[in-house]
Amino acid sequence: MNMKIYLSGEIHTDWRDEIIAGARDLDLSFTAPVTDHAASDDCGVAILGAEDQKFWHDHKGAKLNAIRTRTAIEAADVVVVRFGEKYRQWNAAFDAGYAAALGKALIVMHGEEHSHALKEVDAAALAVCETPQQVVQILTYVLQGTLPE
């Protein structure tokens, strides 16, 4: 069974690459948002034309990015949302809420320091973990029924 995994959230580290590499022997396919920060921020004005006000600049980009994000979350079997240490990721919280509202299997990944702030997000998740390796172990168990050695 091929499972579709959407990797949402923090874009400043290589956590996605770690999961994809660690899960290379599993029957999984991965999708993700655009992780080029500048492209994600500027896609709307680059494609649809410049805006004088920052609000409309961001609004255009957010709508174009939502086409990809919503479609990928809706198509996913499992949504993994990573909250990083450095930046507030409001979009990650939105993705987690959207996935939960759709009834998607949700795995949330963050450090201990965010446990209180993300308690409602964590409550909606089927698993809460801290590392990409734990995500791989979860996916391995779900697909193969085997525990880490």
Protein backbone atom coordinates (compact mmCIF):
# COMPACT_ATOMS: atom_id res chain seq x y z
CA MET A 1 0.00 0.00 0.00
CA ASN A 2 1.48 3.34 -1.03
CA MET A 3 0.89 5.96 1.60
CA LYS A 4 0.95 9.65 0.73
CA ILE A 5 2.72 11.81 3.29
CA TYR A 6 2.53 15.61 3.37
CA LEU A 7 5.45 17.28 5.19
CA SER A 8 4.31 20.66 6.50
CA GLY A 9 5.90 23.32 8.64
CA GLU A 10 9.32 24.72 9.35
CA ILE A 11 11.45 25.31 6.24
CA HIS A 12 14.80 26.32 7.69
CA THR A 13 16.30 22.89 8.45
CA ASP A 14 16.68 19.61 6.57
CA TRP A 15 14.14 17.59 8.59
CA ARG A 16 12.21 16.67 5.44
CA ASP A 17 15.31 15.22 3.81
CA GLU A 18 16.01 13.20 6.97
CA ILE A 19 12.53 11.66 6.90
CA ILE A 20 12.61 10.94 3.17
CA ALA A 21 16.07 9.33 3.44
CA GLY A 22 15.13 7.32 6.52
CA ALA A 23 11.94 6.06 4.89
CA ARG A 24 13.48 5.25 1.49
CA ASP A 25 12.67 1.53 1.84
CA LEU A 26 9.01 2.15 2.69
CA ASP A 27 6.17 2.38 0.18
CA LEU A 28 5.63 6.11 0.67
CA SER A 29 5.34 9.17 -1.51
CA PHE A 30 6.05 12.63 -0.14
CA THR A 31 4.80 16.11 -0.92
CA ALA A 32 5.59 19.41 0.75
CA PRO A 33 5.01 23.13 0.44
CA VAL A 34 7.40 25.26 -1.56
CA THR A 35 10.41 25.49 0.75
CA ASP A 36 12.21 28.28 -1.10
CA HIS A 37 11.21 31.09 1.27
CA ALA A 38 11.65 33.91 -1.26
CA ALA A 39 9.70 32.06 -3.97
CA SER A 40 6.91 31.29 -1.52
CA ASP A 41 6.70 34.90 -0.36
CA ASP A 42 6.89 36.45 -3.83
CA CYS A 43 5.04 33.96 -6.07
CA GLY A 44 1.86 36.03 -6.21
CA VAL A 45 3.47 39.24 -7.41
CA ALA A 46 5.93 37.41 -9.65
CA ILE A 47 3.07 35.72 -11.50
CA LEU A 48 0.11 38.10 -11.10
CA GLY A 49 1.80 41.50 -10.89
CA ALA A 50 3.25 43.88 -8.34
CA GLU A 51 1.34 45.37 -5.42
CA ASP A 52 1.93 48.70 -3.71
CA GLN A 53 0.86 47.45 -0.28
CA LYS A 54 2.59 44.60 1.56
CA PHE A 55 -0.79 43.17 2.64
CA TRP A 56 -1.85 42.57 -0.99
CA HIS A 57 1.62 41.32 -1.90
CA ASP A 58 1.35 38.69 0.85
CA HIS A 59 -2.32 38.01 0.10
CA LYS A 60 -1.58 37.04 -3.51
CA GLY A 61 1.25 34.74 -2.46
CA ALA A 62 -0.78 33.11 0.30
CA LYS A 63 -3.60 32.30 -2.10
CA LEU A 64 -1.29 30.73 -4.67
CA ASN A 65 0.49 28.73 -1.98
CA ALA A 66 -2.91 27.59 -0.65
CA ILE A 67 -3.64 25.89 -3.98
CA ARG A 68 -0.66 23.60 -3.44
CA THR A 69 -1.08 23.21 0.32
CA ARG A 70 -4.78 22.46 0.40
CA THR A 71 -4.59 20.07 -2.53
CA ALA A 72 -1.65 18.18 -1.00
CA ILE A 73 -3.22 17.96 2.48
CA GLU A 74 -6.50 16.73 1.01
CA ALA A 75 -4.65 14.05 -1.00
CA ALA A 76 -2.44 12.93 1.91
CA ASP A 77 -3.00 9.86 4.06
CA VAL A 78 -0.74 11.25 6.79
CA VAL A 79 0.19 14.87 7.50
CA VAL A 80 3.41 15.55 9.41
CA VAL A 81 3.69 19.07 10.82
CA ARG A 82 7.04 20.28 12.17
CA PHE A 83 7.25 23.28 14.47
CA GLY A 84 10.80 24.60 14.57
CA GLU A 85 12.63 26.37 17.32
CA LYS A 86 13.42 29.73 15.77
CA TYR A 87 10.33 31.14 14.05
CA ARG A 88 6.62 31.30 14.84
CA GLN A 89 5.03 29.08 12.25
CA TRP A 90 1.43 30.23 12.06
CA ASN A 91 1.07 28.49 8.71
CA ALA A 92 2.09 25.19 10.30
CA ALA A 93 -0.59 25.56 12.96
CA PHE A 94 -3.12 26.34 10.23
CA ASP A 95 -2.07 23.25 8.26
CA ALA A 96 -2.39 21.08 11.38
CA GLY A 97 -5.88 22.43 12.04
CA TYR A 98 -6.92 21.94 8.42
CA ALA A 99 -5.62 18.36 8.43
CA ALA A 100 -7.41 17.64 11.72
CA ALA A 101 -10.66 19.11 10.37
CA LEU A 102 -10.39 16.80 7.37
CA GLY A 103 -9.83 13.81 9.66
CA LYS A 104 -6.31 13.19 8.37
CA ALA A 105 -3.85 11.15 10.41
CA LEU A 106 -1.71 13.88 11.97
CA ILE A 107 1.81 13.58 13.35
CA VAL A 108 3.14 16.70 15.09
CA MET A 109 6.85 17.21 15.68
CA HIS A 110 8.35 19.82 18.00
CA GLY A 111 10.69 20.26 20.91
CA GLU A 112 9.65 20.16 24.55
CA GLU A 113 9.77 23.96 24.78
CA HIS A 114 6.64 24.21 22.59
CA SER A 115 4.53 21.63 24.44
CA HIS A 116 2.41 24.16 26.31
CA ALA A 117 1.90 26.54 23.37
CA LEU A 118 0.90 23.66 21.09
CA LYS A 119 -1.23 21.68 23.54
CA GLU A 120 -4.40 22.01 21.43
CA VAL A 121 -2.54 21.05 18.25
CA ASP A 122 -0.96 18.11 20.08
CA ALA A 123 -4.40 17.01 21.33
CA ALA A 124 -5.59 16.72 17.72
CA ALA A 125 -2.58 14.64 16.65
CA LEU A 126 -2.40 10.87 16.63
CA ALA A 127 1.30 11.11 17.50
CA VAL A 128 3.51 13.84 18.94
CA CYS A 129 7.26 13.41 18.62
CA GLU A 130 10.49 15.40 18.63
CA THR A 131 12.72 14.00 15.85
CA PRO A 132 12.58 13.02 12.18
CA GLN A 133 13.82 9.55 13.22
CA GLN A 134 10.71 9.10 15.37
CA VAL A 135 8.54 10.01 12.38
CA VAL A 136 10.31 7.34 10.33
CA GLN A 137 9.81 4.82 13.14
CA ILE A 138 6.11 5.68 13.32
CA LEU A 139 5.69 5.27 9.56
CA THR A 140 7.64 2.00 9.62
CA TYR A 141 5.44 0.64 12.39
CA VAL A 142 2.25 1.76 10.63
CA LEU A 143 3.27 0.15 7.32
CA GLN A 144 5.15 -2.93 8.51
CA GLY A 145 4.11 -3.48 12.12
CA THR A 146 7.74 -3.62 13.22
CA LEU A 147 9.41 -1.84 16.11
CA PRO A 148 12.83 -0.14 16.02
CA GLU A 149 15.75 -2.42 16.78
